[in-house]
PDB file of N, CA and C in Angstrom:
ATOM      1  N   MET A   1       0.845  -1.042   0.161  1.00  0.00           N
ATOM      2  CA  MET A   1      -0.049  -0.138  -0.407  1.00  0.00           C
ATOM      3  C   MET A   1       0.833   1.323   0.155  1.00  0.00           C
ATOM      4  N   PRO A   2       1.801   1.203   0.442  1.00  0.00           N
ATOM      5  CA  PRO A   2       2.836   2.426   0.926  1.00  0.00           C
ATOM      6  C   PRO A   2       3.101   2.504  -1.197  1.00  0.00           C
ATOM      7  N   ILE A   3       2.997   2.111  -2.155  1.00  0.00           N
ATOM      8  CA  ILE A   3       3.220   2.287  -3.318  1.00  0.00           C
ATOM      9  C   ILE A   3       2.292   3.080  -3.751  1.00  0.00           C
ATOM     10  N   VAL A   4       0.880   2.725  -3.331  1.00  0.00           N
ATOM     11  CA  VAL A   4      -0.007   3.086  -4.051  1.00  0.00           C
ATOM     12  C   VAL A   4      -0.638   4.753  -3.057  1.00  0.00           C
ATOM     13  N   GLN A   5       0.028   4.669  -2.042  1.00  0.00           N
ATOM     14  CA  GLN A   5      -0.528   5.824  -1.285  1.00  0.00           C
ATOM     15  C   GLN A   5       0.748   7.402  -1.714  1.00  0.00           C
ATOM     16  N   SER A   6       1.818   6.763  -1.819  1.00  0.00           N
ATOM     17  CA  SER A   6       2.646   7.524  -2.773  1.00  0.00           C
ATOM     18  C   SER A   6       2.488   7.936  -4.367  1.00  0.00           C
ATOM     19  N   ALA A   7       1.635   6.836  -4.884  1.00  0.00           N
ATOM     20  CA  ALA A   7       1.882   7.240  -6.383  1.00  0.00           C
ATOM     21  C   ALA A   7       0.664   8.553  -5.885  1.00  0.00           C
ATOM     22  N   GLU A   8      -0.887   7.998  -4.686  1.00  0.00           N
ATOM     23  CA  GLU A   8      -2.214   9.328  -5.470  1.00  0.00           C
ATOM     24  C   GLU A   8      -1.267  10.305  -4.806  1.00  0.00           C
ATOM     25  N   LYS A   9      -0.787  10.360  -3.336  1.00  0.00           N
ATOM     26  CA  LYS A   9       0.058  11.656  -3.212  1.00  0.00           C
ATOM     27  C   LYS A   9       1.063  12.944  -4.446  1.00  0.00           C
ATOM     28  N   GLN A  10       1.669  11.620  -5.621  1.00  0.00           N
ATOM     29  CA  GLN A  10       2.707  12.587  -6.101  1.00  0.00           C
ATOM     30  C   GLN A  10       1.503  13.094  -7.503  1.00  0.00           C
ATOM     31  N   LEU A  11       0.600  12.094  -7.878  1.00  0.00           N
ATOM     32  CA  LEU A  11      -0.584  12.211  -8.604  1.00  0.00           C
ATOM     33  C   LEU A  11      -1.339  13.497  -8.267  1.00  0.00           C
ATOM     34  N   GLY A  12      -1.292  13.585  -6.651  1.00  0.00           N
ATOM     35  CA  GLY A  12      -2.920  14.462  -6.024  1.00  0.00           C
ATOM     36  C   GLY A  12      -3.999  14.048  -6.625  1.00  0.00           C
ATOM     37  N   THR A  13      -4.518  12.476  -6.933  1.00  0.00           N
ATOM     38  CA  THR A  13      -5.844  12.211  -7.077  1.00  0.00           C
ATOM     39  C   THR A  13      -5.663  11.265  -6.203  1.00  0.00           C
ATOM     40  N   HIS A  14      -7.268  10.614  -6.012  1.00  0.00           N
ATOM     41  CA  HIS A  14      -7.637   9.501  -5.290  1.00  0.00           C
ATOM     42  C   HIS A  14      -7.893   8.790  -6.339  1.00  0.00           C
ATOM     43  N   ASP A  15      -7.717   7.042  -6.733  1.00  0.00           N
ATOM     44  CA  ASP A  15      -7.669   5.961  -7.388  1.00  0.00           C
ATOM     45  C   ASP A  15      -7.959   6.583  -8.603  1.00  0.00           C
ATOM     46  N   SER A  16      -6.603   6.620  -9.284  1.00  0.00           N
ATOM     47  CA  SER A  16      -6.232   7.280 -10.965  1.00  0.00           C
ATOM     48  C   SER A  16      -5.831   6.331 -11.618  1.00  0.00           C
ATOM     49  N   GLY A  17      -6.576   6.559 -12.575  1.00  0.00           N
ATOM     50  CA  GLY A  17      -6.550   5.578 -13.769  1.00  0.00           C
ATOM     51  C   GLY A  17      -4.916   4.996 -13.907  1.00  0.00           C
ATOM     52  N   VAL A  18      -4.224   5.481 -13.463  1.00  0.00           N
ATOM     53  CA  VAL A  18      -2.947   5.719 -13.703  1.00  0.00           C
ATOM     54  C   VAL A  18      -1.988   3.835 -12.770  1.00  0.00           C
ATOM     55  N   ILE A  19      -3.000   4.501 -11.859  1.00  0.00           N
ATOM     56  CA  ILE A  19      -2.524   2.955 -10.322  1.00  0.00           C
ATOM     57  C   ILE A  19      -3.470   1.931 -11.226  1.00  0.00           C
ATOM     58  N   ILE A  20      -2.270   1.175 -11.689  1.00  0.00           N
ATOM     59  CA  ILE A  20      -2.860  -0.250 -12.085  1.00  0.00           C
ATOM     60  C   ILE A  20      -2.448  -1.064 -10.746  1.00  0.00           C
ATOM     61  N   LEU A  21      -1.789  -1.016 -10.123  1.00  0.00           N
ATOM     62  CA  LEU A  21      -1.834  -2.363  -9.322  1.00  0.00           C
ATOM     63  C   LEU A  21      -2.448  -2.805  -8.342  1.00  0.00           C
ATOM     64  N   ASP A  22      -3.980  -1.819  -7.827  1.00  0.00           N
ATOM     65  CA  ASP A  22      -4.818  -2.201  -7.561  1.00  0.00           C
ATOM     66  C   ASP A  22      -5.682  -3.539  -8.751  1.00  0.00           C
ATOM     67  N   GLU A  23      -5.797  -2.999  -9.960  1.00  0.00           N
ATOM     68  CA  GLU A  23      -6.271  -4.021 -11.139  1.00  0.00           C
ATOM     69  C   GLU A  23      -5.700  -5.258 -11.117  1.00  0.00           C
ATOM     70  N   ILE A  24      -4.593  -5.254 -10.843  1.00  0.00           N
ATOM     71  CA  ILE A  24      -3.220  -6.358 -10.926  1.00  0.00           C
ATOM     72  C   ILE A  24      -3.513  -7.359 -10.056  1.00  0.00           C
ATOM     73  N   LEU A  25      -3.785  -6.551  -8.689  1.00  0.00           N
ATOM     74  CA  LEU A  25      -4.399  -7.678  -7.605  1.00  0.00           C
ATOM     75  C   LEU A  25      -5.600  -8.292  -8.043  1.00  0.00           C
ATOM     76  N   GLY A  26      -6.374  -7.621  -8.019  1.00  0.00           N
ATOM     77  CA  GLY A  26      -7.522  -8.095  -7.855  1.00  0.00           C
ATOM     78  C   GLY A  26      -7.999  -9.313  -9.182  1.00  0.00           C
ATOM     79  N   TYR A  27      -7.601  -8.987 -10.127  1.00  0.00           N
ATOM     80  CA  TYR A  27      -7.414  -9.960 -11.421  1.00  0.00           C
ATOM     81  C   TYR A  27      -6.645 -11.094 -10.699  1.00  0.00           C
ATOM     82  N   LEU A  28      -5.588 -11.018 -10.059  1.00  0.00           N
ATOM     83  CA  LEU A  28      -4.932 -12.361  -9.750  1.00  0.00           C
ATOM     84  C   LEU A  28      -5.445 -13.220  -8.437  1.00  0.00           C
ATOM     85  N   VAL A  29      -6.209 -12.189  -7.908  1.00  0.00           N
ATOM     86  CA  VAL A  29      -6.822 -13.216  -6.675  1.00  0.00           C
ATOM     87  C   VAL A  29      -8.617 -13.788  -7.684  1.00  0.00           C
ATOM     88  N   ALA A  30      -8.841 -13.221  -8.826  1.00  0.00           N
ATOM     89  CA  ALA A  30     -10.295 -13.609  -9.546  1.00  0.00           C
ATOM     90  C   ALA A  30      -9.265 -15.134  -9.961  1.00  0.00           C
ATOM     91  N   VAL A  31      -8.113 -15.227 -10.226  1.00  0.00           N
ATOM     92  CA  VAL A  31      -7.456 -16.091 -11.082  1.00  0.00           C
ATOM     93  C   VAL A  31      -6.745 -17.432 -10.173  1.00  0.00           C
ATOM     94  N   TRP A  32      -6.432 -17.006  -8.641  1.00  0.00           N
ATOM     95  CA  TRP A  32      -5.713 -17.338  -7.775  1.00  0.00           C
ATOM     96  C   TRP A  32      -6.278 -18.943  -7.923  1.00  0.00           C
ATOM     97  N   ALA A  33      -4.954 -19.953  -8.657  1.00  0.00           N
ATOM     98  CA  ALA A  33      -5.537 -20.888  -8.567  1.00  0.00           C
ATOM     99  C   ALA A  33      -6.320 -22.259  -8.665  1.00  0.00           C
ATOM    100  N   MET A  34      -6.331 -21.309 -10.004  1.00  0.00           N
ATOM    101  CA  MET A  34      -7.435 -22.035 -10.976  1.00  0.00           C
ATOM    102  C   MET A  34      -6.548 -22.421 -11.894  1.00  0.00           C
ATOM    103  N   PRO A  35      -6.971 -23.148 -12.906  1.00  0.00           N
ATOM    104  CA  PRO A  35      -5.761 -23.918 -14.150  1.00  0.00           C
ATOM    105  C   PRO A  35      -5.674 -22.964 -14.994  1.00  0.00           C
ATOM    106  N   PHE A  36      -4.428 -22.747 -15.980  1.00  0.00           N
ATOM    107  CA  PHE A  36      -4.447 -21.375 -16.606  1.00  0.00           C
ATOM    108  C   PHE A  36      -4.721 -21.827 -17.929  1.00  0.00           C
ATOM    109  N   ASN A  37      -5.163 -21.730 -18.474  1.00  0.00           N
ATOM    110  CA  ASN A  37      -5.633 -21.475 -19.708  1.00  0.00           C
ATOM    111  C   ASN A  37      -6.396 -20.744 -20.548  1.00  0.00           C
ATOM    112  N   PHE A  38      -6.693 -20.508 -21.553  1.00  0.00           N
ATOM    113  CA  PHE A  38      -7.624 -19.490 -22.049  1.00  0.00           C
ATOM    114  C   PHE A  38      -8.732 -18.954 -21.493  1.00  0.00           C
ATOM    115  N   TRP A  39      -9.389 -20.090 -21.342  1.00  0.00           N
ATOM    116  CA  TRP A  39     -10.784 -19.563 -20.715  1.00  0.00           C
ATOM    117  C   TRP A  39     -10.399 -19.099 -19.419  1.00  0.00           C
ATOM    118  N   THR A  40      -9.744 -19.900 -18.572  1.00  0.00           N
ATOM    119  CA  THR A  40      -9.288 -18.921 -17.200  1.00  0.00           C
ATOM    120  C   THR A  40      -9.064 -17.508 -17.468  1.00  0.00           C
ATOM    121  N   VAL A  41      -8.115 -17.530 -18.031  1.00  0.00           N
ATOM    122  CA  VAL A  41      -7.485 -16.583 -18.364  1.00  0.00           C
ATOM    123  C   VAL A  41      -8.665 -14.943 -19.045  1.00  0.00           C
ATOM    124  N   ALA A  42      -9.653 -15.555 -19.556  1.00  0.00           N
ATOM    125  CA  ALA A  42     -10.954 -14.668 -20.638  1.00  0.00           C
ATOM    126  C   ALA A  42     -12.082 -14.481 -19.503  1.00  0.00           C
ATOM    127  N   ILE A  43     -12.685 -15.360 -18.767  1.00  0.00           N
ATOM    128  CA  ILE A  43     -13.222 -15.930 -17.948  1.00  0.00           C
ATOM    129  C   ILE A  43     -13.059 -14.982 -16.524  1.00  0.00           C
ATOM    130  N   GLY A  44     -11.937 -15.223 -16.465  1.00  0.00           N
ATOM    131  CA  GLY A  44     -11.192 -14.637 -15.103  1.00  0.00           C
ATOM    132  C   GLY A  44     -11.376 -13.238 -14.883  1.00  0.00           C
ATOM    133  N   PHE A  45     -10.737 -12.525 -16.456  1.00  0.00           N
ATOM    134  CA  PHE A  45     -10.981 -11.360 -16.639  1.00  0.00           C
ATOM    135  C   PHE A  45     -12.040 -10.197 -16.652  1.00  0.00           C
ATOM    136  N   GLY A  46     -12.930 -11.142 -17.546  1.00  0.00           N
ATOM    137  CA  GLY A  46     -14.021 -10.791 -17.795  1.00  0.00           C
ATOM    138  C   GLY A  46     -15.095 -10.551 -16.836  1.00  0.00           C
ATOM    139  N   LEU A  47     -15.442 -11.518 -15.726  1.00  0.00           N
ATOM    140  CA  LEU A  47     -15.836 -11.639 -13.888  1.00  0.00           C
ATOM    141  C   LEU A  47     -15.540 -10.083 -12.966  1.00  0.00           C
ATOM    142  N   PHE A  48     -14.035 -10.446 -13.612  1.00  0.00           N
ATOM    143  CA  PHE A  48     -12.913  -9.322 -12.749  1.00  0.00           C
ATOM    144  C   PHE A  48     -13.739  -7.882 -13.127  1.00  0.00           C
ATOM    145  N   ARG A  49     -13.368  -7.292 -14.076  1.00  0.00           N
ATOM    146  CA  ARG A  49     -13.784  -6.361 -14.758  1.00  0.00           C
ATOM    147  C   ARG A  49     -15.473  -5.964 -14.825  1.00  0.00           C
ATOM    148  N   LEU A  50     -16.448  -7.003 -14.833  1.00  0.00           N
ATOM    149  CA  LEU A  50     -17.533  -6.837 -14.497  1.00  0.00           C
ATOM    150  C   LEU A  50     -18.063  -6.564 -12.777  1.00  0.00           C
ATOM    151  N   PHE A  51     -17.279  -7.078 -12.101  1.00  0.00           N
ATOM    152  CA  PHE A  51     -17.693  -6.755 -10.786  1.00  0.00           C
ATOM    153  C   PHE A  51     -16.950  -5.484 -10.424  1.00  0.00           C
ATOM    154  N   ASP A  52     -16.039  -5.178 -11.024  1.00  0.00           N
ATOM    155  CA  ASP A  52     -15.127  -4.064 -10.576  1.00  0.00           C
ATOM    156  C   ASP A  52     -16.055  -2.824 -11.040  1.00  0.00           C
ATOM    157  N   ILE A  53     -16.678  -2.831 -12.024  1.00  0.00           N
ATOM    158  CA  ILE A  53     -17.309  -1.930 -13.127  1.00  0.00           C
ATOM    159  C   ILE A  53     -18.885  -1.422 -12.254  1.00  0.00           C
ATOM    160  N   TRP A  54     -19.438  -3.075 -11.946  1.00  0.00           N
ATOM    161  CA  TRP A  54     -20.486  -2.886 -11.874  1.00  0.00           C
ATOM    162  C   TRP A  54     -20.730  -2.307  -9.637  1.00  0.00           C
ATOM    163  N   LYS A  55     -20.054  -3.208  -9.090  1.00  0.00           N
ATOM    164  CA  LYS A  55     -19.363  -2.864  -7.619  1.00  0.00           C
ATOM    165  C   LYS A  55     -21.042  -3.403  -7.091  1.00  0.00           C
ATOM    166  N   PRO A  56     -21.171  -4.305  -6.774  1.00  0.00           N
ATOM    167  CA  PRO A  56     -22.704  -4.627  -6.119  1.00  0.00           C
ATOM    168  C   PRO A  56     -22.199  -4.920  -4.915  1.00  0.00           C
ATOM    169  N   PHE A  57     -23.241  -4.179  -3.767  1.00  0.00           N
ATOM    170  CA  PHE A  57     -22.951  -4.501  -2.268  1.00  0.00           C
ATOM    171  C   PHE A  57     -22.235  -5.748  -2.315  1.00  0.00           C
ATOM    172  N   PRO A  58     -21.356  -6.284  -1.576  1.00  0.00           N
ATOM    173  CA  PRO A  58     -20.814  -5.069  -0.980  1.00  0.00           C
ATOM    174  C   PRO A  58     -19.346  -4.020  -1.194  1.00  0.00           C
ATOM    175  N   ILE A  59     -19.092  -4.221  -2.517  1.00  0.00           N
ATOM    176  CA  ILE A  59     -17.865  -3.829  -3.195  1.00  0.00           C
ATOM    177  C   ILE A  59     -18.527  -2.049  -2.847  1.00  0.00           C
ATOM    178  N   SER A  60     -19.532  -1.763  -3.433  1.00  0.00           N
ATOM    179  CA  SER A  60     -19.652  -0.345  -3.229  1.00  0.00           C
ATOM    180  C   SER A  60     -19.430   0.270  -1.743  1.00  0.00           C
ATOM    181  N   TYR A  61     -20.121  -1.076  -0.882  1.00  0.00           N
ATOM    182  CA  TYR A  61     -19.721  -0.332   0.351  1.00  0.00           C
ATOM    183  C   TYR A  61     -18.049   0.264   0.746  1.00  0.00           C
ATOM    184  N   LEU A  62     -17.604  -0.566   0.220  1.00  0.00           N
ATOM    185  CA  LEU A  62     -16.023  -0.483   0.195  1.00  0.00           C
ATOM    186  C   LEU A  62     -15.659   0.332  -0.159  1.00  0.00           C
ATOM    187  N   ASP A  63     -15.820   0.500  -1.377  1.00  0.00           N
ATOM    188  CA  ASP A  63     -15.170   1.878  -2.205  1.00  0.00           C
ATOM    189  C   ASP A  63     -16.081   2.750  -1.930  1.00  0.00           C
ATOM    190  N   LYS A  64     -16.921   2.801  -1.148  1.00  0.00           N
ATOM    191  CA  LYS A  64     -17.266   4.416  -0.442  1.00  0.00           C
ATOM    192  C   LYS A  64     -16.754   4.447   0.992  1.00  0.00           C
ATOM    193  N   LYS A  65     -16.600   3.411   1.936  1.00  0.00           N
ATOM    194  CA  LYS A  65     -16.579   3.665   3.148  1.00  0.00           C
ATOM    195  C   LYS A  65     -14.846   4.142   3.504  1.00  0.00           C
ATOM    196  N   ILE A  66     -14.151   3.263   2.962  1.00  0.00           N
ATOM    197  CA  ILE A  66     -12.422   3.119   2.832  1.00  0.00           C
ATOM    198  C   ILE A  66     -11.720   3.899   1.980  1.00  0.00           C
ATOM    199  N   LYS A  67     -11.249   4.525   3.238  1.00  0.00           N
ATOM    200  CA  LYS A  67     -10.229   6.158   2.315  1.00  0.00           C
ATOM    201  C   LYS A  67      -9.310   5.826   2.374  1.00  0.00           C
ATOM    202  N   GLY A  68      -8.698   6.645   1.610  1.00  0.00           N
ATOM    203  CA  GLY A  68      -6.602   6.212   1.255  1.00  0.00           C
ATOM    204  C   GLY A  68      -6.203   5.282   0.922  1.00  0.00           C
ATOM    205  N   ALA A  69      -5.338   4.753   0.782  1.00  0.00           N
ATOM    206  CA  ALA A  69      -4.295   3.453  -0.366  1.00  0.00           C
ATOM    207  C   ALA A  69      -5.233   2.337  -0.142  1.00  0.00           C
ATOM    208  N   LEU A  70      -5.756   2.306   1.090  1.00  0.00           N
ATOM    209  CA  LEU A  70      -6.149   0.341   1.604  1.00  0.00           C
ATOM    210  C   LEU A  70      -7.555   0.511   0.569  1.00  0.00           C
ATOM    211  N   GLY A  71      -8.123   1.963   0.842  1.00  0.00           N
ATOM    212  CA  GLY A  71      -9.607   2.072  -0.302  1.00  0.00           C
ATOM    213  C   GLY A  71      -9.317   1.782  -1.521  1.00  0.00           C
ATOM    214  N   VAL A  72      -8.335   1.796  -2.145  1.00  0.00           N
ATOM    215  CA  VAL A  72      -8.079   1.607  -3.491  1.00  0.00           C
ATOM    216  C   VAL A  72      -8.178   0.394  -3.689  1.00  0.00           C
ATOM    217  N   ILE A  73      -7.216  -0.234  -2.635  1.00  0.00           N
ATOM    218  CA  ILE A  73      -6.557  -1.466  -3.279  1.00  0.00           C
ATOM    219  C   ILE A  73      -8.181  -2.504  -2.866  1.00  0.00           C
ATOM    220  N   VAL A  74      -8.672  -2.395  -1.833  1.00  0.00           N
ATOM    221  CA  VAL A  74      -9.859  -3.275  -1.369  1.00  0.00           C
ATOM    222  C   VAL A  74     -10.847  -3.361  -2.123  1.00  0.00           C
ATOM    223  N   ASP A  75     -11.608  -2.792  -2.965  1.00  0.00           N
ATOM    224  CA  ASP A  75     -12.278  -2.891  -3.338  1.00  0.00           C
ATOM    225  C   ASP A  75     -12.346  -4.041  -5.002  1.00  0.00           C
ATOM    226  N   ASP A  76     -11.148  -3.518  -5.233  1.00  0.00           N
ATOM    227  CA  ASP A  76     -10.630  -4.542  -6.217  1.00  0.00           C
ATOM    228  C   ASP A  76     -10.048  -5.658  -5.964  1.00  0.00           C
ATOM    229  N   LEU A  77      -9.600  -6.193  -4.624  1.00  0.00           N
ATOM    230  CA  LEU A  77      -9.637  -7.463  -4.088  1.00  0.00           C
ATOM    231  C   LEU A  77     -11.203  -8.187  -3.550  1.00  0.00           C
ATOM    232  N   ALA A  78     -12.258  -7.536  -3.876  1.00  0.00           N
ATOM    233  CA  ALA A  78     -13.228  -7.849  -3.461  1.00  0.00           C
ATOM    234  C   ALA A  78     -14.136  -8.436  -4.650  1.00  0.00           C
ATOM    235  N   ALA A  79     -13.903  -7.293  -5.503  1.00  0.00           N
ATOM    236  CA  ALA A  79     -14.375  -7.542  -6.793  1.00  0.00           C
ATOM    237  C   ALA A  79     -13.873  -8.967  -7.044  1.00  0.00           C
ATOM    238  N   GLY A  80     -12.407  -9.102  -6.794  1.00  0.00           N
ATOM    239  CA  GLY A  80     -11.482 -10.484  -7.594  1.00  0.00           C
ATOM    240  C   GLY A  80     -12.399 -11.508  -6.722  1.00  0.00           C
ATOM    241  N   ILE A  81     -12.357 -11.353  -5.141  1.00  0.00           N
ATOM    242  CA  ILE A  81     -13.015 -12.405  -4.487  1.00  0.00           C
ATOM    243  C   ILE A  81     -14.252 -12.711  -5.200  1.00  0.00           C
ATOM    244  N   PHE A  82     -15.266 -11.779  -5.765  1.00  0.00           N
ATOM    245  CA  PHE A  82     -16.652 -12.319  -6.138  1.00  0.00           C
ATOM    246  C   PHE A  82     -16.201 -13.057  -7.563  1.00  0.00           C
ATOM    247  N   ALA A  83     -15.366 -12.471  -8.179  1.00  0.00           N
ATOM    248  CA  ALA A  83     -14.937 -13.118  -9.559  1.00  0.00           C
ATOM    249  C   ALA A  83     -14.255 -14.146  -9.510  1.00  0.00           C
ATOM    250  N   HIS A  84     -13.600 -14.560  -8.095  1.00  0.00           N
ATOM    251  CA  HIS A  84     -12.564 -15.817  -8.602  1.00  0.00           C
ATOM    252  C   HIS A  84     -14.087 -17.103  -8.020  1.00  0.00           C
ATOM    253  N   VAL A  85     -15.187 -16.662  -6.965  1.00  0.00           N
ATOM    254  CA  VAL A  85     -16.255 -17.804  -6.397  1.00  0.00           C
ATOM    255  C   VAL A  85     -16.903 -18.166  -7.524  1.00  0.00           C
ATOM    256  N   ILE A  86     -17.126 -17.148  -8.723  1.00  0.00           N
ATOM    257  CA  ILE A  86     -18.395 -17.554 -10.061  1.00  0.00           C
ATOM    258  C   ILE A  86     -16.727 -18.371 -10.735  1.00  0.00           C
ATOM    259  N   LEU A  87     -15.861 -17.574 -11.092  1.00  0.00           N
ATOM    260  CA  LEU A  87     -14.880 -18.866 -11.551  1.00  0.00           C
ATOM    261  C   LEU A  87     -15.217 -19.925 -11.622  1.00  0.00           C
ATOM    262  N   ARG A  88     -14.689 -20.319  -9.686  1.00  0.00           N
ATOM    263  CA  ARG A  88     -14.646 -21.563  -9.478  1.00  0.00           C
ATOM    264  C   ARG A  88     -16.126 -22.458  -9.745  1.00  0.00           C
ATOM    265  N   GLY A  89     -16.993 -21.720  -9.536  1.00  0.00           N
ATOM    266  CA  GLY A  89     -18.057 -22.934  -9.938  1.00  0.00           C
ATOM    267  C   GLY A  89     -18.826 -22.564 -11.088  1.00  0.00           C
ATOM    268  N   LEU A  90     -18.289 -21.790 -11.674  1.00  0.00           N
ATOM    269  CA  LEU A  90     -18.221 -22.460 -13.642  1.00  0.00           C
ATOM    270  C   LEU A  90     -17.231 -23.164 -13.844  1.00  0.00           C
ATOM    271  N   TYR A  91     -16.069 -23.460 -13.392  1.00  0.00           N
ATOM    272  CA  TYR A  91     -15.339 -24.941 -13.348  1.00  0.00           C
ATOM    273  C   TYR A  91     -16.091 -25.959 -13.042  1.00  0.00           C
ATOM    274  N   LEU A  92     -16.623 -26.153 -11.743  1.00  0.00           N
ATOM    275  CA  LEU A  92     -17.010 -27.259 -11.352  1.00  0.00           C
ATOM    276  C   LEU A  92     -18.714 -28.042 -11.706  1.00  0.00           C
ATOM    277  N   VAL A  93     -19.270 -26.857 -12.590  1.00  0.00           N
ATOM    278  CA  VAL A  93     -20.173 -27.089 -13.835  1.00  0.00           C
ATOM    279  C   VAL A  93     -20.000 -27.566 -14.873  1.00  0.00           C
ATOM    280  N   PHE A  94     -19.136 -27.080 -15.826  1.00  0.00           N
ATOM    281  CA  PHE A  94     -19.163 -27.284 -17.099  1.00  0.00           C
ATOM    282  C   PHE A  94     -17.206 -27.597 -17.013  1.00  0.00           C
ATOM    283  N   PHE A  95     -16.342 -27.948 -15.923  1.00  0.00           N
ATOM    284  CA  PHE A  95     -15.208 -28.121 -16.526  1.00  0.00           C
ATOM    285  C   PHE A  95     -15.220 -29.793 -15.702  1.00  0.00           C
TER     286      PHE A  95
END
């Protein structure tokens, strides 16, 4: 988090699109311990972006209530967890 905090301070803005560490961490959570293949990469990315943009509860709550560098990262980690659960369920049903 110190990296995100430093970047925010230097950029003078909160959760800038230039800061992508949170996106990378969220995506890695989405595909954590899943088979590495085209479907995992593509569906995992799609689900992560869906939840990151849509921000259903409790992701929206985390996004609004947690401030600073932790807030930048936590909502993306939560989106990654949501994506991972759905992705794992899809693998159980279809693969």
